[in-house]
Amino acid sequence: MKQHIISPEASQDLEEIIDYFTNRNIDAGERFIDEFNKKCRSEC
């Protein structure tokens, strides 16, 4: 199984994106997280 490593900079960007969504629309934030996780799993 392939392993992906998220750089500290990318991790910070993801946190900011998640904060943006959750402050405006919690459902959109949850969908973003779900889709991101699906994409990471499917790229393995």
PDB file of N, CA and C in Angstrom:
ATOM      1  N   MET A   1       0.848  -1.178   0.000  1.00  0.00           N
ATOM      2  CA  MET A   1       0.000   0.000   0.000  1.00  0.00           C
ATOM      3  C   MET A   1       0.893   1.240   0.000  1.00  0.00           C
ATOM      4  N   LYS A   2       0.565   2.180  -0.838  1.00  0.00           N
ATOM      5  CA  LYS A   2       1.289   3.431  -0.950  1.00  0.00           C
ATOM      6  C   LYS A   2       0.950   4.333   0.237  1.00  0.00           C
ATOM      7  N   GLN A   3       1.937   5.051   0.727  1.00  0.00           N
ATOM      8  CA  GLN A   3       1.693   5.965   1.838  1.00  0.00           C
ATOM      9  C   GLN A   3       1.907   7.396   1.363  1.00  0.00           C
ATOM     10  N   HIS A   4       0.972   8.256   1.690  1.00  0.00           N
ATOM     11  CA  HIS A   4       1.066   9.665   1.337  1.00  0.00           C
ATOM     12  C   HIS A   4       1.493  10.439   2.567  1.00  0.00           C
ATOM     13  N   ILE A   5       2.358  11.408   2.360  1.00  0.00           N
ATOM     14  CA  ILE A   5       2.803  12.263   3.450  1.00  0.00           C
ATOM     15  C   ILE A   5       2.355  13.685   3.144  1.00  0.00           C
ATOM     16  N   ILE A   6       1.683  14.279   4.090  1.00  0.00           N
ATOM     17  CA  ILE A   6       1.217  15.657   3.939  1.00  0.00           C
ATOM     18  C   ILE A   6       2.229  16.556   4.627  1.00  0.00           C
ATOM     19  N   SER A   7       2.785  17.484   3.872  1.00  0.00           N
ATOM     20  CA  SER A   7       3.794  18.390   4.423  1.00  0.00           C
ATOM     21  C   SER A   7       3.169  19.287   5.486  1.00  0.00           C
ATOM     22  N   PRO A   8       3.986  19.840   6.372  1.00  0.00           N
ATOM     23  CA  PRO A   8       3.447  20.759   7.386  1.00  0.00           C
ATOM     24  C   PRO A   8       2.711  21.944   6.759  1.00  0.00           C
ATOM     25  N   GLU A   9       3.224  22.442   5.644  1.00  0.00           N
ATOM     26  CA  GLU A   9       2.570  23.570   4.977  1.00  0.00           C
ATOM     27  C   GLU A   9       1.201  23.170   4.442  1.00  0.00           C
ATOM     28  N   ALA A  10       1.130  22.003   3.813  1.00  0.00           N
ATOM     29  CA  ALA A  10      -0.142  21.517   3.288  1.00  0.00           C
ATOM     30  C   ALA A  10      -1.120  21.248   4.423  1.00  0.00           C
ATOM     31  N   SER A  11      -0.625  20.719   5.510  1.00  0.00           N
ATOM     32  CA  SER A  11      -1.480  20.453   6.667  1.00  0.00           C
ATOM     33  C   SER A  11      -2.068  21.752   7.208  1.00  0.00           C
ATOM     34  N   GLN A  12      -1.247  22.790   7.261  1.00  0.00           N
ATOM     35  CA  GLN A  12      -1.735  24.092   7.721  1.00  0.00           C
ATOM     36  C   GLN A  12      -2.787  24.638   6.756  1.00  0.00           C
ATOM     37  N   ASP A  13      -2.540  24.496   5.456  1.00  0.00           N
ATOM     38  CA  ASP A  13      -3.524  24.934   4.459  1.00  0.00           C
ATOM     39  C   ASP A  13      -4.842  24.192   4.632  1.00  0.00           C
ATOM     40  N   LEU A  14      -4.760  22.885   4.842  1.00  0.00           N
ATOM     41  CA  LEU A  14      -5.984  22.090   5.036  1.00  0.00           C
ATOM     42  C   LEU A  14      -6.744  22.553   6.269  1.00  0.00           C
ATOM     43  N   GLU A  15      -6.027  22.835   7.341  1.00  0.00           N
ATOM     44  CA  GLU A  15      -6.684  23.328   8.560  1.00  0.00           C
ATOM     45  C   GLU A  15      -7.411  24.646   8.294  1.00  0.00           C
ATOM     46  N   GLU A  16      -6.760  25.522   7.535  1.00  0.00           N
ATOM     47  CA  GLU A  16      -7.383  26.813   7.217  1.00  0.00           C
ATOM     48  C   GLU A  16      -8.618  26.627   6.335  1.00  0.00           C
ATOM     49  N   ILE A  17      -8.554  25.722   5.388  1.00  0.00           N
ATOM     50  CA  ILE A  17      -9.702  25.439   4.527  1.00  0.00           C
ATOM     51  C   ILE A  17     -10.847  24.875   5.353  1.00  0.00           C
ATOM     52  N   ILE A  18     -10.530  23.938   6.228  1.00  0.00           N
ATOM     53  CA  ILE A  18     -11.564  23.342   7.085  1.00  0.00           C
ATOM     54  C   ILE A  18     -12.179  24.392   7.990  1.00  0.00           C
ATOM     55  N   ASP A  19     -11.356  25.251   8.584  1.00  0.00           N
ATOM     56  CA  ASP A  19     -11.877  26.336   9.429  1.00  0.00           C
ATOM     57  C   ASP A  19     -12.809  27.246   8.639  1.00  0.00           C
ATOM     58  N   TYR A  20     -12.403  27.579   7.423  1.00  0.00           N
ATOM     59  CA  TYR A  20     -13.232  28.435   6.570  1.00  0.00           C
ATOM     60  C   TYR A  20     -14.608  27.810   6.368  1.00  0.00           C
ATOM     61  N   PHE A  21     -14.626  26.535   5.970  1.00  0.00           N
ATOM     62  CA  PHE A  21     -15.901  25.867   5.723  1.00  0.00           C
ATOM     63  C   PHE A  21     -16.725  25.739   6.998  1.00  0.00           C
ATOM     64  N   THR A  22     -16.108  25.315   8.082  1.00  0.00           N
ATOM     65  CA  THR A  22     -16.884  25.071   9.295  1.00  0.00           C
ATOM     66  C   THR A  22     -17.429  26.360   9.897  1.00  0.00           C
ATOM     67  N   ASN A  23     -16.754  27.480   9.671  1.00  0.00           N
ATOM     68  CA  ASN A  23     -17.275  28.760  10.161  1.00  0.00           C
ATOM     69  C   ASN A  23     -18.430  29.275   9.322  1.00  0.00           C
ATOM     70  N   ARG A  24     -18.552  28.800   8.098  1.00  0.00           N
ATOM     71  CA  ARG A  24     -19.599  29.285   7.210  1.00  0.00           C
ATOM     72  C   ARG A  24     -20.715  28.267   6.999  1.00  0.00           C
ATOM     73  N   ASN A  25     -20.333  26.993   6.927  1.00  0.00           N
ATOM     74  CA  ASN A  25     -21.330  25.960   6.654  1.00  0.00           C
ATOM     75  C   ASN A  25     -20.748  24.615   7.094  1.00  0.00           C
ATOM     76  N   ILE A  26     -21.168  24.147   8.255  1.00  0.00           N
ATOM     77  CA  ILE A  26     -20.619  22.920   8.835  1.00  0.00           C
ATOM     78  C   ILE A  26     -20.808  21.726   7.901  1.00  0.00           C
ATOM     79  N   ASP A  27     -21.934  21.664   7.205  1.00  0.00           N
ATOM     80  CA  ASP A  27     -22.174  20.553   6.283  1.00  0.00           C
ATOM     81  C   ASP A  27     -21.170  20.568   5.135  1.00  0.00           C
ATOM     82  N   ALA A  28     -20.888  21.746   4.609  1.00  0.00           N
ATOM     83  CA  ALA A  28     -19.894  21.855   3.537  1.00  0.00           C
ATOM     84  C   ALA A  28     -18.517  21.442   4.039  1.00  0.00           C
ATOM     85  N   GLY A  29     -18.187  21.829   5.259  1.00  0.00           N
ATOM     86  CA  GLY A  29     -16.906  21.436   5.843  1.00  0.00           C
ATOM     87  C   GLY A  29     -16.789  19.929   5.986  1.00  0.00           C
ATOM     88  N   GLU A  30     -17.842  19.302   6.453  1.00  0.00           N
ATOM     89  CA  GLU A  30     -17.826  17.846   6.608  1.00  0.00           C
ATOM     90  C   GLU A  30     -17.729  17.146   5.255  1.00  0.00           C
ATOM     91  N   ARG A  31     -18.436  17.675   4.248  1.00  0.00           N
ATOM     92  CA  ARG A  31     -18.343  17.092   2.905  1.00  0.00           C
ATOM     93  C   ARG A  31     -16.929  17.230   2.352  1.00  0.00           C
ATOM     94  N   PHE A  32     -16.303  18.383   2.581  1.00  0.00           N
ATOM     95  CA  PHE A  32     -14.931  18.583   2.113  1.00  0.00           C
ATOM     96  C   PHE A  32     -14.006  17.549   2.737  1.00  0.00           C
ATOM     97  N   ILE A  33     -14.104  17.361   4.041  1.00  0.00           N
ATOM     98  CA  ILE A  33     -13.250  16.393   4.742  1.00  0.00           C
ATOM     99  C   ILE A  33     -13.499  14.986   4.216  1.00  0.00           C
ATOM    100  N   ASP A  34     -14.766  14.615   4.063  1.00  0.00           N
ATOM    101  CA  ASP A  34     -15.102  13.279   3.553  1.00  0.00           C
ATOM    102  C   ASP A  34     -14.529  13.057   2.156  1.00  0.00           C
ATOM    103  N   GLU A  35     -14.711  14.034   1.279  1.00  0.00           N
ATOM    104  CA  GLU A  35     -14.222  13.891  -0.096  1.00  0.00           C
ATOM    105  C   GLU A  35     -12.698  13.873  -0.146  1.00  0.00           C
ATOM    106  N   PHE A  36     -12.066  14.672   0.668  1.00  0.00           N
ATOM    107  CA  PHE A  36     -10.610  14.685   0.724  1.00  0.00           C
ATOM    108  C   PHE A  36     -10.088  13.310   1.161  1.00  0.00           C
ATOM    109  N   ASN A  37     -10.692  12.779   2.201  1.00  0.00           N
ATOM    110  CA  ASN A  37     -10.281  11.457   2.696  1.00  0.00           C
ATOM    111  C   ASN A  37     -10.523  10.363   1.650  1.00  0.00           C
ATOM    112  N   LYS A  38     -11.658  10.424   0.955  1.00  0.00           N
ATOM    113  CA  LYS A  38     -11.931   9.444  -0.110  1.00  0.00           C
ATOM    114  C   LYS A  38     -10.880   9.521  -1.200  1.00  0.00           C
ATOM    115  N   LYS A  39     -10.541  10.733  -1.592  1.00  0.00           N
ATOM    116  CA  LYS A  39      -9.554  10.941  -2.647  1.00  0.00           C
ATOM    117  C   LYS A  39      -8.200  10.382  -2.214  1.00  0.00           C
ATOM    118  N   CYS A  40      -7.816  10.625  -0.986  1.00  0.00           N
ATOM    119  CA  CYS A  40      -6.533  10.114  -0.490  1.00  0.00           C
ATOM    120  C   CYS A  40      -6.525   8.585  -0.500  1.00  0.00           C
ATOM    121  N   ARG A  41      -7.626   7.972  -0.098  1.00  0.00           N
ATOM    122  CA  ARG A  41      -7.706   6.506  -0.080  1.00  0.00           C
ATOM    123  C   ARG A  41      -7.695   5.926  -1.489  1.00  0.00           C
ATOM    124  N   SER A  42      -8.342   6.591  -2.428  1.00  0.00           N
ATOM    125  CA  SER A  42      -8.436   6.057  -3.778  1.00  0.00           C
ATOM    126  C   SER A  42      -7.130   6.214  -4.578  1.00  0.00           C
ATOM    127  N   GLU A  43      -6.259   7.081  -4.148  1.00  0.00           N
ATOM    128  CA  GLU A  43      -4.991   7.317  -4.835  1.00  0.00           C
ATOM    129  C   GLU A  43      -3.912   6.331  -4.431  1.00  0.00           C
ATOM    130  N   CYS A  44      -4.194   5.472  -3.493  1.00  0.00           N
ATOM    131  CA  CYS A  44      -3.181   4.522  -3.004  1.00  0.00           C
ATOM    132  C   CYS A  44      -2.885   3.441  -3.978  1.00  0.00           C
TER     133      CYS A  44
END
